[in-house]
Amino acid sequence: MDVDNVLVECAKIYNRVYRDALRSRDYYDLTNEEEDALDSRAREEIEAYLSSVGIPPEDYEFATVHCNCSELPFPRDEERVGTGAMSGRGVDTPGLIVKGRKVCLLCGR
């Protein structure tokens, strides 16, 4: 199992949950309650995916990570998650750590 590919897939799941829920709405139009609900749903889907690829809960944790993606654009199109260099200002973002490897769930890097 390639942990880097697993991390990118988790970021794709996170973006997909938001993209499917937002449709034509803007991310900034979400209420705090809506954002919390989407974040919970994304985490549940990520946990299910990690379980399906054989990664037990003790081998991963959701965490805040520092990333240069500037959080934009979000949500990203599927093919843009995990690719290309990010060149924004450093920000704290939702992230995931699997077996000591970190990923920003917003950009997949």
Protein backbone atom coordinates (compact mmCIF):
# COMPACT_ATOMS: atom_id res chain seq x y z
CA MET A 1 0.00 0.00 0.00
CA ASP A 2 1.36 3.40 -1.03
CA VAL A 3 0.56 5.81 1.82
CA ASP A 4 0.99 8.85 -0.45
CA ASN A 5 -1.74 7.57 -2.80
CA VAL A 6 -3.99 6.83 0.18
CA LEU A 7 -3.51 10.40 1.44
CA VAL A 8 -4.38 11.90 -1.95
CA GLU A 9 -7.49 9.71 -2.15
CA CYS A 10 -8.55 10.95 1.30
CA ALA A 11 -8.19 14.56 0.10
CA LYS A 12 -10.26 13.68 -2.98
CA ILE A 13 -12.99 12.28 -0.73
CA TYR A 14 -12.94 15.44 1.42
CA ASN A 15 -13.25 17.68 -1.65
CA ARG A 16 -15.93 15.46 -3.22
CA VAL A 17 -18.17 15.66 -0.14
CA TYR A 18 -18.05 19.45 -0.23
CA ARG A 19 -18.36 19.68 -4.03
CA ASP A 20 -21.41 17.39 -4.09
CA ALA A 21 -23.10 19.30 -1.27
CA LEU A 22 -22.38 22.76 -2.62
CA ARG A 23 -23.31 22.20 -6.26
CA SER A 24 -23.69 25.83 -7.45
CA ARG A 25 -23.42 27.46 -4.02
CA ASP A 26 -20.26 29.19 -2.91
CA TYR A 27 -18.25 27.68 -0.06
CA TYR A 28 -18.40 31.01 1.78
CA ASP A 29 -22.21 30.86 1.84
CA LEU A 30 -22.15 27.87 4.21
CA THR A 31 -23.28 28.38 7.77
CA ASN A 32 -21.04 27.10 10.54
CA GLU A 33 -23.53 24.30 11.19
CA GLU A 34 -23.52 23.24 7.53
CA GLU A 35 -19.72 23.28 7.44
CA ASP A 36 -19.51 21.19 10.63
CA ALA A 37 -21.98 18.66 9.18
CA LEU A 38 -20.04 18.41 5.92
CA ASP A 39 -16.76 18.04 7.78
CA SER A 40 -18.25 15.21 9.86
CA ARG A 41 -19.60 13.48 6.75
CA ALA A 42 -16.22 13.80 5.01
CA ARG A 43 -14.41 12.36 8.03
CA GLU A 44 -16.84 9.41 8.15
CA GLU A 45 -16.25 8.68 4.46
CA ILE A 46 -12.48 8.96 4.92
CA GLU A 47 -12.61 6.62 7.92
CA ALA A 48 -14.61 4.10 5.87
CA TYR A 49 -12.08 4.34 3.03
CA LEU A 50 -9.12 3.91 5.38
CA SER A 51 -10.79 0.85 6.90
CA SER A 52 -11.40 -0.59 3.42
CA VAL A 53 -7.69 -0.32 2.57
CA GLY A 54 -6.66 -1.91 5.87
CA ILE A 55 -5.52 1.12 7.86
CA PRO A 56 -6.72 0.81 11.46
CA PRO A 57 -7.81 3.88 13.50
CA GLU A 58 -4.64 3.77 15.60
CA ASP A 59 -2.55 4.42 12.46
CA TYR A 60 -4.16 7.74 11.51
CA GLU A 61 -5.44 10.96 13.01
CA PHE A 62 -7.22 14.04 11.76
CA ALA A 63 -5.14 17.11 12.55
CA THR A 64 -4.51 20.70 11.60
CA VAL A 65 -1.61 20.95 9.16
CA HIS A 66 0.26 23.93 7.77
CA CYS A 67 -0.03 24.24 3.99
CA ASN A 68 0.82 26.77 1.29
CA CYS A 69 -2.39 26.19 -0.68
CA SER A 70 -4.08 29.31 0.71
CA GLU A 71 -7.24 27.19 0.97
CA LEU A 72 -8.26 28.24 -2.56
CA PRO A 73 -9.77 27.09 -4.75
CA PHE A 74 -11.93 24.86 -2.58
CA PRO A 75 -13.45 22.47 -3.23
CA ARG A 76 -11.07 21.41 -6.00
CA ASP A 77 -11.97 19.41 -9.07
CA GLU A 78 -11.06 15.74 -8.70
CA GLU A 79 -8.16 15.89 -11.14
CA ARG A 80 -6.59 18.88 -9.35
CA VAL A 81 -6.38 17.26 -5.91
CA GLY A 82 -2.81 16.24 -5.14
CA THR A 83 -1.27 17.66 -8.31
CA GLY A 84 0.64 20.80 -9.14
CA ALA A 85 2.64 23.07 -6.93
CA MET A 86 0.80 25.29 -4.53
CA SER A 87 2.07 28.83 -4.15
CA GLY A 88 0.00 30.68 -1.64
CA ARG A 89 0.54 32.01 1.81
CA GLY A 90 0.98 29.44 4.53
CA VAL A 91 -2.23 28.69 6.39
CA ASP A 92 -3.46 26.10 8.87
CA THR A 93 -5.83 23.68 7.18
CA PRO A 94 -7.75 20.50 7.98
CA GLY A 95 -5.39 17.60 7.51
CA LEU A 96 -4.80 13.92 8.01
CA ILE A 97 -1.77 12.04 9.29
CA VAL A 98 -1.40 8.39 8.24
CA LYS A 99 1.59 6.42 9.52
CA GLY A 100 3.51 9.65 10.12
CA ARG A 101 2.76 11.14 6.66
CA LYS A 102 0.68 14.34 6.48
CA VAL A 103 -1.71 15.70 3.87
CA CYS A 104 -3.75 18.87 3.57
CA LEU A 105 -7.32 17.71 2.94
CA LEU A 106 -8.07 20.86 0.94
CA CYS A 107 -5.40 20.46 -1.75
CA GLY A 108 -4.01 16.94 -1.32
CA ARG A 109 -0.38 18.03 -0.90
